[in-house]
């Protein structure tokens, strides 16, 4: 079972800093996903910044409903110290 996400920050170059209940901080690169009409909306910086943690901490979502699977967020992100 994956740890819950407690907070999220948008960073430059379409990256996200994810904070997990375990105290881990992980860096996730969204740029490979920004294609097509659905995820392409994330190119607009103001829209990209609408990302939020789901109420139960199981994942993230943007204002229009775009999301990335929780296991993908965790497994393809890298642990960071800052």
C-alpha atoms as a PDB file:
ATOM      1  CA  UNK A   1       0.000   0.000   0.000  1.00  0.00           C
ATOM      2  CA  UNK A   2       1.317   3.422  -0.955  1.00  0.00           C
ATOM      3  CA  UNK A   3       1.767   6.204   1.604  1.00  0.00           C
ATOM      4  CA  UNK A   4      -0.682   9.093   1.384  1.00  0.00           C
ATOM      5  CA  UNK A   5       0.278  12.417  -0.151  1.00  0.00           C
ATOM      6  CA  UNK A   6      -0.027  15.245   2.367  1.00  0.00           C
ATOM      7  CA  UNK A   7       1.033  18.239   0.277  1.00  0.00           C
ATOM      8  CA  UNK A   8       2.166  19.215  -3.200  1.00  0.00           C
ATOM      9  CA  UNK A   9       4.139  22.102  -4.678  1.00  0.00           C
ATOM     10  CA  UNK A  10       4.500  23.096  -8.310  1.00  0.00           C
ATOM     11  CA  UNK A  11       8.050  23.816  -9.426  1.00  0.00           C
ATOM     12  CA  UNK A  12       9.622  25.111 -12.616  1.00  0.00           C
ATOM     13  CA  UNK A  13       9.869  22.940 -15.739  1.00  0.00           C
ATOM     14  CA  UNK A  14       6.600  21.128 -14.972  1.00  0.00           C
ATOM     15  CA  UNK A  15       7.882  19.363 -11.899  1.00  0.00           C
ATOM     16  CA  UNK A  16       6.010  18.614  -8.686  1.00  0.00           C
ATOM     17  CA  UNK A  17       7.363  18.238  -5.174  1.00  0.00           C
ATOM     18  CA  UNK A  18       5.265  15.616  -3.415  1.00  0.00           C
ATOM     19  CA  UNK A  19       5.149  15.308   0.375  1.00  0.00           C
ATOM     20  CA  UNK A  20       4.170  11.929   1.804  1.00  0.00           C
ATOM     21  CA  UNK A  21       2.876  10.957   5.231  1.00  0.00           C
ATOM     22  CA  UNK A  22       6.103   8.990   5.777  1.00  0.00           C
ATOM     23  CA  UNK A  23       8.106  12.225   5.715  1.00  0.00           C
ATOM     24  CA  UNK A  24       9.425  11.469   2.240  1.00  0.00           C
ATOM     25  CA  UNK A  25       9.706  14.269  -0.314  1.00  0.00           C
ATOM     26  CA  UNK A  26       9.723  13.170  -3.933  1.00  0.00           C
ATOM     27  CA  UNK A  27      10.218  14.996  -7.228  1.00  0.00           C
ATOM     28  CA  UNK A  28       7.929  14.063 -10.117  1.00  0.00           C
ATOM     29  CA  UNK A  29       8.409  15.296 -13.686  1.00  0.00           C
ATOM     30  CA  UNK A  30       5.070  15.910 -15.410  1.00  0.00           C
ATOM     31  CA  UNK A  31       6.581  17.094 -18.718  1.00  0.00           C
ATOM     32  CA  UNK A  32       6.491  13.658 -20.453  1.00  0.00           C
ATOM     33  CA  UNK A  33       2.712  13.556 -19.907  1.00  0.00           C
ATOM     34  CA  UNK A  34       1.902  16.971 -21.390  1.00  0.00           C
ATOM     35  CA  UNK A  35       0.595  15.889 -24.809  1.00  0.00           C
ATOM     36  CA  UNK A  36      -2.663  15.806 -26.664  1.00  0.00           C
ATOM     37  CA  UNK A  37      -5.816  17.731 -25.920  1.00  0.00           C
ATOM     38  CA  UNK A  38      -6.394  16.325 -22.403  1.00  0.00           C
ATOM     39  CA  UNK A  39      -2.969  16.623 -20.759  1.00  0.00           C
ATOM     40  CA  UNK A  40      -1.857  19.365 -23.164  1.00  0.00           C
ATOM     41  CA  UNK A  41      -3.854  21.820 -21.050  1.00  0.00           C
ATOM     42  CA  UNK A  42      -1.117  21.458 -18.418  1.00  0.00           C
ATOM     43  CA  UNK A  43       1.255  23.488 -20.640  1.00  0.00           C
ATOM     44  CA  UNK A  44      -0.485  26.639 -19.455  1.00  0.00           C
ATOM     45  CA  UNK A  45       1.381  27.530 -16.273  1.00  0.00           C
ATOM     46  CA  UNK A  46      -1.645  28.990 -14.473  1.00  0.00           C
ATOM     47  CA  UNK A  47      -3.570  25.804 -15.162  1.00  0.00           C
ATOM     48  CA  UNK A  48      -0.630  23.594 -14.167  1.00  0.00           C
ATOM     49  CA  UNK A  49      -0.667  25.302 -10.779  1.00  0.00           C
ATOM     50  CA  UNK A  50      -4.279  24.194 -10.139  1.00  0.00           C
ATOM     51  CA  UNK A  51      -3.000  20.767  -9.102  1.00  0.00           C
ATOM     52  CA  UNK A  52      -4.174  19.649  -5.685  1.00  0.00           C
ATOM     53  CA  UNK A  53      -4.056  16.608  -3.426  1.00  0.00           C
ATOM     54  CA  UNK A  54      -7.215  14.506  -3.392  1.00  0.00           C
ATOM     55  CA  UNK A  55      -9.105  14.751  -0.074  1.00  0.00           C
ATOM     56  CA  UNK A  56      -8.121  11.224   0.980  1.00  0.00           C
ATOM     57  CA  UNK A  57      -4.445  11.751   0.063  1.00  0.00           C
ATOM     58  CA  UNK A  58      -4.504   8.928  -2.462  1.00  0.00           C
ATOM     59  CA  UNK A  59      -3.380  11.039  -5.411  1.00  0.00           C
ATOM     60  CA  UNK A  60      -3.407  14.385  -7.198  1.00  0.00           C
ATOM     61  CA  UNK A  61      -5.711  16.057  -9.683  1.00  0.00           C
ATOM     62  CA  UNK A  62      -5.906  19.224 -11.773  1.00  0.00           C
ATOM     63  CA  UNK A  63      -8.947  21.491 -12.034  1.00  0.00           C
ATOM     64  CA  UNK A  64     -10.207  19.784 -15.205  1.00  0.00           C
ATOM     65  CA  UNK A  65      -9.905  16.266 -13.832  1.00  0.00           C
ATOM     66  CA  UNK A  66      -6.504  15.251 -15.196  1.00  0.00           C
ATOM     67  CA  UNK A  67      -4.685  12.958 -12.827  1.00  0.00           C
ATOM     68  CA  UNK A  68      -1.738  10.592 -12.648  1.00  0.00           C
ATOM     69  CA  UNK A  69      -1.994   7.168 -11.045  1.00  0.00           C
ATOM     70  CA  UNK A  70      -0.721   7.147  -7.447  1.00  0.00           C
ATOM     71  CA  UNK A  71       1.650   4.230  -8.071  1.00  0.00           C
ATOM     72  CA  UNK A  72       3.095   6.039 -11.076  1.00  0.00           C
ATOM     73  CA  UNK A  73       3.642   9.196  -9.027  1.00  0.00           C
ATOM     74  CA  UNK A  74       5.529   7.229  -6.396  1.00  0.00           C
ATOM     75  CA  UNK A  75       7.398   4.731  -8.566  1.00  0.00           C
ATOM     76  CA  UNK A  76       8.677   7.176 -11.175  1.00  0.00           C
ATOM     77  CA  UNK A  77       9.509  10.059  -8.848  1.00  0.00           C
ATOM     78  CA  UNK A  78      12.855  10.474  -7.129  1.00  0.00           C
ATOM     79  CA  UNK A  79      13.404  11.045  -3.457  1.00  0.00           C
ATOM     80  CA  UNK A  80      14.795  14.482  -2.608  1.00  0.00           C
ATOM     81  CA  UNK A  81      16.043  16.051   0.583  1.00  0.00           C
ATOM     82  CA  UNK A  82      14.764  19.602   0.059  1.00  0.00           C
END
